Amino acid sequence: MEYPKGIDDKFMTALLIAGRGESGADAPVYNVQTWEPFGTLHCSTFSDGEQSVLRAHAVSEQWSQESIYTRSRILYRFLKRVVRHYEPIIGLNQLLSGKSWLDASSEYFYMITQVRGIKRNLKYLGKPRRGAGAVPRSTYRIWCRPVGVVGMFTSADNPISMVCDILNPIMAGNAVVNFVTPQATLGALLMKAVLVDAGMPADVWRIVVSESSQFGMKFIPALDYVTAIGPNRMCQRISMECARHSVPISCFGAVKKIALVMEDAKLWDAAKACARSAFLSAGQSTNSIEVIFVHEAVREPFEQMMVQYTQEQIRVGRYTNPHATMGSMMYPDRVKNCEKVLKLARDNGARVLMGSHPRPEISPTFFEPTIVADLPPDLNLLETEVYGPVVALLPFKDITNVVRLVTGSRVIDSAAVFTRDIDFVRNLIDNAEFATVCVNDTYFSMDMSWKAPIQGKGESGQGIRHGMEAILQYTQVFSAARLKGISWVPKDWRSGNWTERLTFAFMGFYSWMSHNVTDTVVADGIRAMFRWMRDRFVGPV
């Protein structure tokens, strides 16, 4: 068997041996691009899962006591090793998920950026917030303490970059029990091995291998927090089980991302960005655009540019082809789903501009990049997650109709807007219910903004990824207050005591300040003027 660049038989044999540490039944691991098994792993038994949860609870208290500096140094050493061994990491990603070298490299750089962001955010986690209370001579302080043991259900689509979601609870001071499919196990084992080599205790991240999420759901009552990343149906089942046992959960399900191309947009730049995003990882990414709304005035030139760029730059092929820029889909069932979606679109009058065929001569998991136009706006496909290399172009005349359609959707939560009108962008951000908006870009700017959190909306979930908020969701808030050197409780509780008189005096002073200084028309006008100047010079984003 020919492996991708950077890995060989010795490397894979060592990983497969590490994956046979459990005592359950054998499960095959596939080369996704040929859909042929190249090895087997052992699934976990109930006893193995129980042991993992117990070990995680045993180590969580000790790990939570480690200093922020110690955790930060582990991330520093982890980054050094990941940068040094980038070729086997990217190659293993190609083997397990079917991505091209270009897409696997993009995921690698995303992982580097996010891990670096987590490392820099740790210094804020270690600083308790403090301040003065409303009562004179009183102070308060706020700490963020880890929740304990976090159960993490991850999908096989991102076997390498899923370490970013794992590191958020770990660096917050928690232990993690990771429930993974056999296809994602080797990537998890590699990332865990690098972290352990960088100094992390091995039991802080426990890996439980199972064919189905039903197995991991048995351990939810023993967990302190649960995160689910995967299909909507899986997230819904796990959410219901967590609700039964009152275990808090954050989940990230399937999302539908759209693009808006206005009549004043730079069409060639918009066509390039939309094509890159639409066929990123063969359309199997949360950053993949599935629907592009194009203004009627620029529909024809945009369609021509999009088709031209896709034909010139998107080349389907295996990792053995150095010129391939798009790999395979994750499972053969996803290819069949794309065929089903396209048949439904054709039956409803849609026009296929290019693609629409599977590529069985390469392997059962390959599908051509496909562009569809004239899709009826009332078709149920706008609410269906295709999760493949299929993008639909829909013309529009009035942007309010598009905003109304998006606002009523429970799966559309992100948008890319191509326009030069900053006032339009400002109004869209203020009025449309999006979780994220990228202006004149599709995903790269948002992905590399490691301080900017991304929160789910509707059926896409309710958790947070990226930024300091992604770490804080795995903590509990603890507050303490102190009164220094004086007691404000009077000896005489009758009306007119000195504490009551002083309290009313301060209340009168604050009321006078509010009425005459801080909340006046002049003060509010000055604040509004500074906000207006900032927006004019900087823009809404």
Protein backbone atom coordinates (compact mmCIF):
# COMPACT_ATOMS: atom_id res chain seq x y z
CA MET A 1 0.00 0.00 0.00
CA GLU A 2 1.27 3.47 -0.93
CA TYR A 3 1.00 5.94 1.94
CA PRO A 4 0.80 9.74 1.71
CA LYS A 5 3.97 11.78 2.00
CA GLY A 6 5.49 11.72 5.48
CA ILE A 7 4.28 8.33 6.76
CA ASP A 8 5.49 4.78 6.17
CA ASP A 9 4.88 1.21 7.34
CA LYS A 10 6.90 1.64 10.54
CA PHE A 11 4.92 4.75 11.53
CA MET A 12 1.54 3.14 10.83
CA THR A 13 2.46 -0.12 12.58
CA ALA A 14 3.36 1.77 15.76
CA LEU A 15 0.05 3.68 15.68
CA LEU A 16 -1.99 0.52 15.03
CA ILE A 17 -0.27 -1.26 17.95
CA ALA A 18 -1.13 1.70 20.20
CA GLY A 19 -4.74 1.42 19.01
CA ARG A 20 -5.02 -2.18 20.20
CA GLY A 21 -4.80 -1.30 23.87
CA GLU A 22 -8.52 -1.85 24.48
CA SER A 23 -10.06 -5.30 24.89
CA GLY A 24 -13.17 -5.14 22.68
CA ALA A 25 -13.98 -6.38 19.19
CA ASP A 26 -11.83 -5.61 16.15
CA ALA A 27 -12.84 -2.66 13.94
CA PRO A 28 -11.30 -1.84 10.53
CA VAL A 29 -9.62 1.47 9.71
CA TYR A 30 -9.99 2.59 6.09
CA ASN A 31 -7.86 4.42 3.60
CA VAL A 32 -10.70 6.79 2.73
CA GLN A 33 -9.50 7.65 -0.77
CA THR A 34 -9.54 3.99 -1.87
CA TRP A 35 -12.07 2.76 0.70
CA GLU A 36 -9.88 -0.23 1.55
CA PRO A 37 -9.03 -1.26 5.13
CA PHE A 38 -5.34 -1.04 5.98
CA GLY A 39 -5.50 -2.20 9.62
CA THR A 40 -7.67 -2.99 12.61
CA LEU A 41 -8.14 -1.51 16.08
CA HIS A 42 -9.77 -2.82 19.24
CA CYS A 43 -12.99 -1.15 20.37
CA SER A 44 -13.55 -0.45 24.05
CA THR A 45 -15.65 -2.64 26.28
CA PHE A 46 -17.88 -1.25 29.03
CA SER A 47 -15.15 -2.16 31.53
CA ASP A 48 -12.58 -0.19 29.46
CA GLY A 49 -14.86 2.87 29.36
CA GLU A 50 -15.55 2.63 33.08
CA GLN A 51 -11.82 2.43 33.80
CA SER A 52 -11.17 5.50 31.63
CA VAL A 53 -13.80 7.55 33.48
CA LEU A 54 -12.43 6.48 36.88
CA ARG A 55 -8.86 7.36 35.91
CA ALA A 56 -9.98 10.73 34.58
CA HIS A 57 -11.72 11.50 37.88
CA ALA A 58 -8.62 10.39 39.80
CA VAL A 59 -6.27 12.66 37.87
CA SER A 60 -8.60 15.67 37.46
CA GLU A 61 -8.03 17.04 40.98
CA GLN A 62 -4.26 16.84 40.65
CA TRP A 63 -4.29 18.34 37.15
CA SER A 64 -6.50 21.26 38.24
CA GLN A 65 -3.84 22.21 40.79
CA GLU A 66 -1.17 22.62 38.12
CA SER A 67 -0.19 26.23 37.52
CA ILE A 68 -1.09 28.16 34.40
CA TYR A 69 2.63 28.42 33.66
CA THR A 70 2.99 24.62 33.65
CA ARG A 71 0.08 24.18 31.24
CA SER A 72 1.43 26.96 29.01
CA ARG A 73 4.86 25.29 28.80
CA ILE A 74 3.22 22.02 27.78
CA LEU A 75 1.52 23.84 24.89
CA TYR A 76 4.82 25.50 23.96
CA ARG A 77 6.58 22.13 23.73
CA PHE A 78 3.57 20.64 21.90
CA LEU A 79 3.74 23.36 19.24
CA LYS A 80 7.47 22.81 18.76
CA ARG A 81 6.93 19.09 18.12
CA VAL A 82 3.95 19.66 15.82
CA VAL A 83 5.92 22.12 13.69
CA ARG A 84 8.91 19.81 13.56
CA HIS A 85 6.85 16.79 12.40
CA TYR A 86 4.32 18.49 10.11
CA GLU A 87 4.68 15.98 7.24
CA PRO A 88 3.49 12.84 9.10
CA ILE A 89 0.67 14.86 10.73
CA ILE A 90 -0.62 16.11 7.37
CA GLY A 91 -0.08 12.70 5.76
CA LEU A 92 -2.06 10.88 8.46
CA ASN A 93 -4.86 13.42 8.04
CA GLN A 94 -4.98 12.63 4.32
CA LEU A 95 -5.08 8.90 4.97
CA LEU A 96 -7.86 9.01 7.57
CA SER A 97 -10.13 11.71 6.09
CA GLY A 98 -9.41 11.61 2.34
CA LYS A 99 -8.35 15.28 2.10
CA SER A 100 -5.98 16.61 -0.52
CA TRP A 101 -2.58 17.93 0.57
CA LEU A 102 -3.93 21.47 0.18
CA ASP A 103 -6.95 20.89 2.45
CA ALA A 104 -4.97 18.86 5.00
CA SER A 105 -2.36 21.64 5.13
CA SER A 106 -5.11 24.23 5.71
CA GLU A 107 -6.40 22.18 8.63
CA TYR A 108 -2.84 21.88 9.98
CA PHE A 109 -2.32 25.68 9.90
CA TYR A 110 -5.73 26.17 11.51
CA MET A 111 -4.66 23.84 14.33
CA ILE A 112 -1.36 25.70 14.81
CA THR A 113 -3.18 29.05 14.99
CA GLN A 114 -5.82 27.88 17.45
CA VAL A 115 -3.34 26.11 19.76
CA ARG A 116 -1.21 29.24 19.80
CA GLY A 117 -4.35 31.22 20.64
CA ILE A 118 -5.21 28.87 23.52
CA LYS A 119 -1.69 29.28 24.86
CA ARG A 120 -1.94 33.08 24.80
CA ASN A 121 -5.41 33.03 26.38
CA LEU A 122 -4.15 31.06 29.37
CA LYS A 123 -2.56 34.14 30.92
CA TYR A 124 -6.03 35.71 31.21
CA LEU A 125 -7.44 32.52 32.76
CA GLY A 126 -4.85 32.70 35.52
CA LYS A 127 -5.70 36.29 36.48
CA PRO A 128 -8.72 36.51 38.80
CA ARG A 129 -10.92 39.52 38.19
CA ARG A 130 -11.04 41.95 41.09
CA GLY A 131 -12.58 45.25 42.00
CA ALA A 132 -14.26 47.41 44.63
CA GLY A 133 -17.80 46.71 45.76
CA ALA A 134 -20.62 49.22 46.12
CA VAL A 135 -20.22 49.08 49.91
CA PRO A 136 -17.29 51.35 50.94
CA ARG A 137 -14.10 49.51 51.99
CA SER A 138 -15.29 46.27 50.34
CA THR A 139 -13.50 44.34 47.56
CA TYR A 140 -14.34 41.26 45.53
CA ARG A 141 -12.44 38.70 43.49
CA ILE A 142 -13.66 36.18 40.88
CA TRP A 143 -11.97 32.88 40.03
CA CYS A 144 -12.75 30.41 37.22
CA ARG A 145 -12.43 26.83 38.44
CA PRO A 146 -12.54 23.68 36.26
CA VAL A 147 -15.75 21.66 36.18
CA GLY A 148 -14.03 18.26 36.59
CA VAL A 149 -14.29 15.55 33.92
CA VAL A 150 -15.52 16.49 30.44
CA GLY A 151 -16.92 13.91 28.04
CA MET A 152 -16.10 14.80 24.43
CA PHE A 153 -17.88 13.17 21.48
CA THR A 154 -15.92 13.98 18.30
CA SER A 155 -16.49 13.10 14.64
CA ALA A 156 -14.06 11.51 12.19
CA ASP A 157 -14.08 14.42 9.70
CA ASN A 158 -11.21 16.28 11.40
CA PRO A 159 -9.00 13.62 13.02
CA ILE A 160 -6.12 16.04 13.62
CA SER A 161 -7.57 19.51 14.28
CA MET A 162 -10.09 18.11 16.79
CA VAL A 163 -7.22 18.39 19.28
CA CYS A 164 -8.12 22.11 19.51
CA ASP A 165 -11.55 21.23 20.95
CA ILE A 166 -9.86 18.78 23.34
CA LEU A 167 -7.30 21.32 24.53
CA ASN A 168 -9.90 23.90 25.58
CA PRO A 169 -11.20 21.86 28.56
CA ILE A 170 -7.76 20.38 29.31
CA MET A 171 -6.06 23.78 29.55
CA ALA A 172 -8.95 25.00 31.72
CA GLY A 173 -7.85 22.35 34.25
CA ASN A 174 -10.23 19.49 33.39
CA ALA A 175 -9.66 15.87 32.46
CA VAL A 176 -11.24 14.65 29.21
CA VAL A 177 -12.81 11.32 28.26
CA ASN A 178 -12.85 11.34 24.46
CA PHE A 179 -15.38 9.08 22.71
CA VAL A 180 -14.16 8.52 19.13
CA THR A 181 -14.94 6.27 16.18
CA PRO A 182 -12.26 3.80 15.02
CA GLN A 183 -11.61 5.97 11.93
CA ALA A 184 -10.63 8.96 14.12
CA THR A 185 -8.74 6.98 16.74
CA LEU A 186 -5.30 7.05 15.09
CA GLY A 187 -5.36 10.85 14.81
CA ALA A 188 -6.37 11.17 18.46
CA LEU A 189 -3.64 8.75 19.51
CA LEU A 190 -0.99 10.68 17.58
CA MET A 191 -1.99 14.04 19.06
CA LYS A 192 -2.19 12.55 22.55
CA ALA A 193 1.27 11.00 22.16
CA VAL A 194 2.72 14.39 21.22
CA LEU A 195 1.02 16.05 24.21
CA VAL A 196 2.26 13.36 26.61
CA ASP A 197 5.76 13.75 25.18
CA ALA A 198 5.39 17.50 25.85
CA GLY A 199 4.67 16.83 29.54
CA MET A 200 0.91 16.26 29.88
CA PRO A 201 -0.10 13.37 32.22
CA ALA A 202 -1.42 10.50 30.12
CA ASP A 203 -4.68 10.07 32.06
CA VAL A 204 -5.73 13.69 31.53
CA TRP A 205 -6.92 12.67 28.04
CA ARG A 206 -8.55 9.23 27.95
CA ILE A 207 -9.61 7.80 24.57
CA VAL A 208 -12.61 5.45 24.36
CA VAL A 209 -13.13 3.76 20.97
CA SER A 210 -16.64 2.89 19.83
CA GLU A 211 -18.50 2.42 16.56
CA SER A 212 -21.52 4.37 17.86
CA SER A 213 -22.18 7.29 20.16
CA GLN A 214 -24.73 5.11 21.99
CA PHE A 215 -21.85 3.43 23.79
CA GLY A 216 -20.47 6.70 25.18
CA MET A 217 -23.92 7.83 26.29
CA LYS A 218 -23.89 5.11 28.95
CA PHE A 219 -21.22 7.07 30.86
CA ILE A 220 -22.93 10.48 30.83
CA PRO A 221 -24.17 10.21 34.46
CA ALA A 222 -20.53 9.90 35.59
CA LEU A 223 -19.40 13.05 33.74
CA ASP A 224 -19.41 16.68 34.89
CA TYR A 225 -19.81 18.23 31.45
CA VAL A 226 -20.41 16.96 27.90
CA THR A 227 -19.47 18.33 24.48
CA ALA A 228 -20.76 16.79 21.24
CA ILE A 229 -19.33 17.65 17.80
CA GLY A 230 -20.95 15.88 14.89
CA PRO A 231 -24.23 15.32 13.02
CA ASN A 232 -27.37 17.00 14.32
CA ARG A 233 -29.07 13.69 15.05
CA MET A 234 -26.20 12.55 17.26
CA CYS A 235 -26.14 15.89 19.11
CA GLN A 236 -29.89 15.70 19.75
CA ARG A 237 -29.66 12.19 21.22
CA ILE A 238 -26.78 13.17 23.49
CA SER A 239 -28.57 16.37 24.56
CA MET A 240 -31.66 14.38 25.58
CA GLU A 241 -29.55 11.97 27.62
CA CYS A 242 -27.74 14.85 29.33
CA ALA A 243 -31.08 16.47 30.17
CA ARG A 244 -32.22 13.25 31.84
CA HIS A 245 -29.24 13.31 34.18
CA SER A 246 -28.92 17.13 34.53
CA VAL A 247 -25.45 17.18 33.00
CA PRO A 248 -24.57 20.48 31.24
CA ILE A 249 -23.79 20.18 27.52
CA SER A 250 -22.50 22.21 24.60
CA CYS A 251 -22.93 20.80 21.10
CA PHE A 252 -21.83 21.75 17.60
CA GLY A 253 -23.98 20.19 14.90
CA ALA A 254 -24.20 20.60 11.15
CA VAL A 255 -24.42 24.18 9.89
CA LYS A 256 -25.34 25.74 6.57
CA LYS A 257 -23.20 28.66 5.49
CA ILE A 258 -24.31 31.09 2.81
CA ALA A 259 -22.69 33.85 0.75
CA LEU A 260 -24.16 37.15 -0.44
CA VAL A 261 -22.68 38.65 -3.63
CA MET A 262 -23.93 42.21 -4.09
CA GLU A 263 -23.91 44.15 -7.35
CA ASP A 264 -20.95 46.32 -6.28
CA ALA A 265 -18.74 43.35 -5.28
CA LYS A 266 -15.39 42.54 -6.85
CA LEU A 267 -16.72 39.57 -8.79
CA TRP A 268 -13.45 37.79 -9.54
CA ASP A 269 -12.35 37.92 -5.90
CA ALA A 270 -15.79 36.77 -4.78
CA ALA A 271 -15.79 33.87 -7.28
CA LYS A 272 -12.36 32.68 -6.11
CA ALA A 273 -13.27 32.87 -2.42
CA CYS A 274 -16.63 31.12 -2.89
CA ALA A 275 -15.12 28.31 -4.98
CA ARG A 276 -12.37 27.71 -2.44
CA SER A 277 -14.83 27.58 0.43
CA ALA A 278 -17.49 25.53 -1.37
CA PHE A 279 -15.07 22.71 -2.21
CA LEU A 280 -12.92 22.87 0.93
CA SER A 281 -12.41 19.28 2.13
CA ALA A 282 -14.81 18.16 -0.64
CA GLY A 283 -17.54 20.29 0.94
CA GLN A 284 -17.29 18.42 4.27
CA SER A 285 -16.42 21.37 6.46
CA THR A 286 -18.38 23.77 8.64
CA ASN A 287 -16.66 26.48 6.60
CA SER A 288 -18.02 25.18 3.29
CA ILE A 289 -20.53 27.45 1.55
CA GLU A 290 -23.56 25.58 0.20
CA VAL A 291 -25.79 28.43 -1.04
CA ILE A 292 -24.65 31.63 -2.79
CA PHE A 293 -27.20 34.43 -3.22
CA VAL A 294 -26.14 36.54 -6.24
CA HIS A 295 -27.66 39.88 -7.18
CA GLU A 296 -29.62 39.65 -10.43
CA ALA A 297 -27.48 42.40 -12.03
CA VAL A 298 -24.26 40.35 -11.78
CA ARG A 299 -25.62 36.81 -11.95
CA GLU A 300 -24.34 35.82 -15.40
CA PRO A 301 -20.75 37.12 -15.09
CA PHE A 302 -20.47 35.65 -11.59
CA GLU A 303 -21.65 32.23 -12.79
CA GLN A 304 -19.10 32.29 -15.62
CA MET A 305 -16.25 33.31 -13.30
CA MET A 306 -17.15 30.71 -10.69
CA VAL A 307 -17.27 27.91 -13.28
CA GLN A 308 -14.05 29.08 -14.92
CA TYR A 309 -12.11 29.23 -11.67
CA THR A 310 -13.44 25.86 -10.50
CA GLN A 311 -12.52 24.18 -13.78
CA GLU A 312 -9.03 25.67 -13.71
CA GLN A 313 -8.15 25.13 -10.04
CA ILE A 314 -10.24 22.31 -8.52
CA ARG A 315 -8.69 19.02 -9.62
CA VAL A 316 -10.08 15.81 -8.15
CA GLY A 317 -7.59 13.06 -7.37
CA ARG A 318 -5.90 10.85 -4.80
CA TYR A 319 -2.96 11.88 -2.66
CA THR A 320 -0.69 10.05 -5.13
CA ASN A 321 -1.51 12.80 -7.65
CA PRO A 322 0.63 15.86 -6.77
CA HIS A 323 -1.68 18.16 -8.75
CA ALA A 324 -4.90 17.15 -6.95
CA THR A 325 -6.52 20.00 -5.02
CA MET A 326 -9.69 18.21 -3.85
CA GLY A 327 -9.78 14.80 -2.22
CA SER A 328 -12.53 12.32 -1.54
CA MET A 329 -15.60 12.28 0.65
CA MET A 330 -15.48 10.56 4.01
CA TYR A 331 -17.92 7.71 3.31
CA PRO A 332 -19.54 6.20 0.17
CA ASP A 333 -22.95 6.99 1.70
CA ARG A 334 -22.21 10.71 1.36
CA VAL A 335 -21.65 10.25 -2.38
CA LYS A 336 -25.09 8.65 -2.64
CA ASN A 337 -26.59 11.53 -0.65
CA CYS A 338 -25.12 14.05 -3.12
CA GLU A 339 -26.63 12.10 -6.04
CA LYS A 340 -30.00 12.09 -4.27
CA VAL A 341 -29.85 15.85 -3.65
CA LEU A 342 -28.95 16.60 -7.27
CA LYS A 343 -31.75 14.40 -8.61
CA LEU A 344 -34.24 16.29 -6.45
CA ALA A 345 -32.82 19.63 -7.67
CA ARG A 346 -33.06 18.60 -11.34
CA ASP A 347 -36.60 17.36 -10.89
CA ASN A 348 -37.52 20.83 -9.59
CA GLY A 349 -36.04 22.68 -12.55
CA ALA A 350 -32.51 23.40 -11.34
CA ARG A 351 -29.76 23.92 -13.93
CA VAL A 352 -26.40 22.15 -13.50
CA LEU A 353 -23.50 24.37 -14.56
CA MET A 354 -20.79 21.76 -14.01
CA GLY A 355 -20.13 18.44 -12.27
CA SER A 356 -22.92 16.36 -10.72
CA HIS A 357 -21.30 12.94 -11.26
CA PRO A 358 -19.54 10.50 -8.92
CA ARG A 359 -16.09 9.23 -9.91
CA PRO A 360 -16.19 5.45 -9.32
CA GLU A 361 -13.18 4.97 -11.61
CA ILE A 362 -11.08 6.63 -8.89
CA SER A 363 -12.90 5.10 -5.90
CA PRO A 364 -16.42 4.89 -4.41
CA THR A 365 -15.79 8.00 -2.27
CA PHE A 366 -15.03 10.56 -5.01
CA PHE A 367 -17.52 13.09 -6.36
CA GLU A 368 -17.03 15.94 -8.83
CA PRO A 369 -17.23 19.58 -7.72
CA THR A 370 -20.76 20.60 -8.66
CA ILE A 371 -22.36 24.02 -9.26
CA VAL A 372 -26.16 24.27 -9.54
CA ALA A 373 -28.18 27.34 -10.58
CA ASP A 374 -31.85 28.36 -10.62
CA LEU A 375 -32.70 26.36 -7.51
CA PRO A 376 -36.28 27.10 -6.38
CA PRO A 377 -36.06 29.15 -3.14
CA ASP A 378 -38.93 27.23 -1.55
CA LEU A 379 -37.20 23.87 -2.04
CA ASN A 380 -36.45 22.00 1.18
CA LEU A 381 -32.78 21.74 0.15
CA LEU A 382 -32.17 25.17 1.67
CA GLU A 383 -32.82 23.62 5.08
CA THR A 384 -30.96 20.36 4.34
CA GLU A 385 -27.29 19.82 5.13
CA VAL A 386 -25.75 18.41 1.92
CA TYR A 387 -22.22 18.10 3.35
CA GLY A 388 -20.60 17.52 -0.01
CA PRO A 389 -19.01 19.35 -2.99
CA VAL A 390 -22.33 20.82 -4.17
CA VAL A 391 -23.02 24.56 -4.19
CA ALA A 392 -26.20 26.31 -5.36
CA LEU A 393 -26.41 29.80 -6.91
CA LEU A 394 -29.67 31.69 -6.27
CA PRO A 395 -30.37 35.09 -7.88
CA PHE A 396 -32.16 37.84 -5.95
CA LYS A 397 -33.39 41.38 -6.56
CA ASP A 398 -34.37 42.52 -3.08
CA ILE A 399 -32.01 41.76 -0.21
CA THR A 400 -34.86 41.92 2.32
CA ASN A 401 -36.27 38.67 0.90
CA VAL A 402 -32.92 36.97 1.49
CA VAL A 403 -32.67 38.30 5.05
CA ARG A 404 -36.24 37.15 5.74
CA LEU A 405 -35.40 33.66 4.44
CA VAL A 406 -32.21 33.46 6.52
CA THR A 407 -33.86 34.78 9.68
CA GLY A 408 -36.50 32.07 9.54
CA SER A 409 -33.94 29.28 9.17
CA ARG A 410 -32.72 27.14 12.06
CA VAL A 411 -29.65 25.75 10.24
CA ILE A 412 -28.20 28.84 8.51
CA ASP A 413 -25.94 30.57 11.02
CA SER A 414 -22.99 32.03 9.08
CA ALA A 415 -22.64 34.32 6.09
CA ALA A 416 -19.94 35.68 3.80
CA VAL A 417 -20.78 39.09 2.32
CA PHE A 418 -19.07 40.53 -0.76
CA THR A 419 -19.68 44.26 -1.14
CA ARG A 420 -17.92 47.62 -0.96
CA ASP A 421 -20.82 49.33 0.81
CA ILE A 422 -19.87 49.56 4.49
CA ASP A 423 -23.25 51.01 5.42
CA PHE A 424 -24.93 47.90 4.01
CA VAL A 425 -22.59 45.70 6.04
CA ARG A 426 -23.41 47.68 9.18
CA ASN A 427 -27.16 47.28 8.62
CA LEU A 428 -26.79 43.56 7.87
CA ILE A 429 -24.82 42.93 11.06
CA ASP A 430 -27.37 44.89 13.12
CA ASN A 431 -30.50 43.25 11.66
CA ALA A 432 -29.71 39.74 10.36
CA GLU A 433 -29.51 36.90 12.88
CA PHE A 434 -26.14 35.41 12.01
CA ALA A 435 -23.65 33.85 14.40
CA THR A 436 -20.71 35.06 12.28
CA VAL A 437 -20.25 37.33 9.27
CA CYS A 438 -17.16 37.53 7.04
CA VAL A 439 -16.88 40.62 4.83
CA ASN A 440 -15.17 40.13 1.46
CA ASP A 441 -13.90 36.73 2.59
CA THR A 442 -15.45 33.33 3.20
CA TYR A 443 -13.74 31.67 6.15
CA PHE A 444 -9.99 32.30 6.37
CA SER A 445 -10.22 35.63 8.21
CA MET A 446 -12.60 34.22 10.83
CA ASP A 447 -10.69 30.97 11.31
CA MET A 448 -7.41 32.76 11.90
CA SER A 449 -8.96 35.31 14.30
CA TRP A 450 -8.23 33.15 17.30
CA LYS A 451 -9.61 35.71 19.77
CA ALA A 452 -13.01 35.87 18.03
CA PRO A 453 -15.49 33.32 19.49
CA ILE A 454 -17.97 31.46 17.29
CA GLN A 455 -21.25 30.43 18.89
CA GLY A 456 -23.85 28.05 17.50
CA LYS A 457 -27.34 29.18 16.54
CA GLY A 458 -30.53 27.14 16.31
CA GLU A 459 -29.92 23.54 15.30
CA SER A 460 -26.20 24.17 14.78
CA GLY A 461 -25.69 24.03 18.55
CA GLN A 462 -25.30 26.30 21.54
CA GLY A 463 -21.66 25.93 22.46
CA ILE A 464 -18.69 28.23 21.72
CA ARG A 465 -15.56 27.57 19.71
CA HIS A 466 -12.45 29.77 19.56
CA GLY A 467 -11.44 32.57 21.86
CA MET A 468 -11.31 32.92 25.61
CA GLU A 469 -15.02 32.11 25.85
CA ALA A 470 -14.38 28.60 24.50
CA ILE A 471 -12.13 27.91 27.50
CA LEU A 472 -14.37 29.63 30.07
CA GLN A 473 -17.37 27.44 29.16
CA TYR A 474 -15.51 24.55 30.83
CA THR A 475 -15.15 26.41 34.13
CA GLN A 476 -17.31 27.33 37.10
CA VAL A 477 -17.33 30.86 38.49
CA PHE A 478 -16.33 31.30 42.14
CA SER A 479 -16.60 34.68 43.88
CA ALA A 480 -15.37 36.03 47.22
CA ALA A 481 -15.93 39.43 48.86
CA ARG A 482 -14.17 41.11 51.78
CA LEU A 483 -14.95 44.09 54.03
CA LYS A 484 -11.77 45.79 55.29
CA GLY A 485 -11.32 47.29 58.74
CA ILE A 486 -14.87 48.40 59.53
CA SER A 487 -18.35 47.05 60.17
CA TRP A 488 -21.32 48.70 58.56
CA VAL A 489 -23.82 46.95 60.84
CA PRO A 490 -24.93 49.53 63.49
CA LYS A 491 -25.42 48.74 67.16
CA ASP A 492 -28.81 50.44 67.06
CA TRP A 493 -31.11 49.09 64.34
CA ARG A 494 -33.82 51.69 64.87
CA SER A 495 -34.71 54.09 62.06
CA GLY A 496 -32.35 57.05 61.75
CA ASN A 497 -29.14 55.20 62.68
CA TRP A 498 -25.87 56.40 61.21
CA THR A 499 -25.62 53.62 58.56
CA GLU A 500 -29.04 54.50 57.19
CA ARG A 501 -28.24 58.23 57.08
CA LEU A 502 -24.92 57.61 55.31
CA THR A 503 -26.58 55.25 52.80
CA PHE A 504 -29.22 57.81 51.86
CA ALA A 505 -26.54 60.50 51.57
CA PHE A 506 -24.57 58.40 49.06
CA MET A 507 -27.75 57.53 47.16
CA GLY A 508 -28.58 61.22 46.90
CA PHE A 509 -25.08 62.04 45.62
CA TYR A 510 -25.17 59.29 42.97
CA SER A 511 -28.65 60.43 41.90
CA TRP A 512 -27.41 64.02 41.53
CA MET A 513 -24.40 62.90 39.46
CA SER A 514 -26.64 60.82 37.20
CA HIS A 515 -29.12 63.64 36.70
CA ASN A 516 -26.57 66.42 36.12
CA VAL A 517 -23.38 64.79 34.76
CA THR A 518 -23.26 61.19 33.54
CA ASP A 519 -26.75 60.64 32.06
CA THR A 520 -27.43 64.04 30.57
CA VAL A 521 -28.22 64.74 26.93
CA VAL A 522 -24.78 66.33 26.49
CA ALA A 523 -22.91 63.34 27.92
CA ASP A 524 -24.92 60.88 25.83
CA GLY A 525 -24.36 63.01 22.74
CA ILE A 526 -20.59 63.05 23.32
CA ARG A 527 -20.52 59.25 23.66
CA ALA A 528 -22.62 58.87 20.49
CA MET A 529 -20.29 61.24 18.61
CA PHE A 530 -17.22 59.19 19.54
CA ARG A 531 -18.97 55.96 18.48
CA TRP A 532 -19.95 57.55 15.15
CA MET A 533 -16.38 58.76 14.52
CA ARG A 534 -14.96 55.33 15.33
CA ASP A 535 -17.38 53.58 12.96
CA ARG A 536 -16.65 56.06 10.19
CA PHE A 537 -12.88 55.69 10.41
CA VAL A 538 -12.66 52.00 11.34
CA GLY A 539 -15.92 50.53 10.02
CA PRO A 540 -18.24 48.01 11.67
CA VAL A 541 -15.54 45.30 11.58
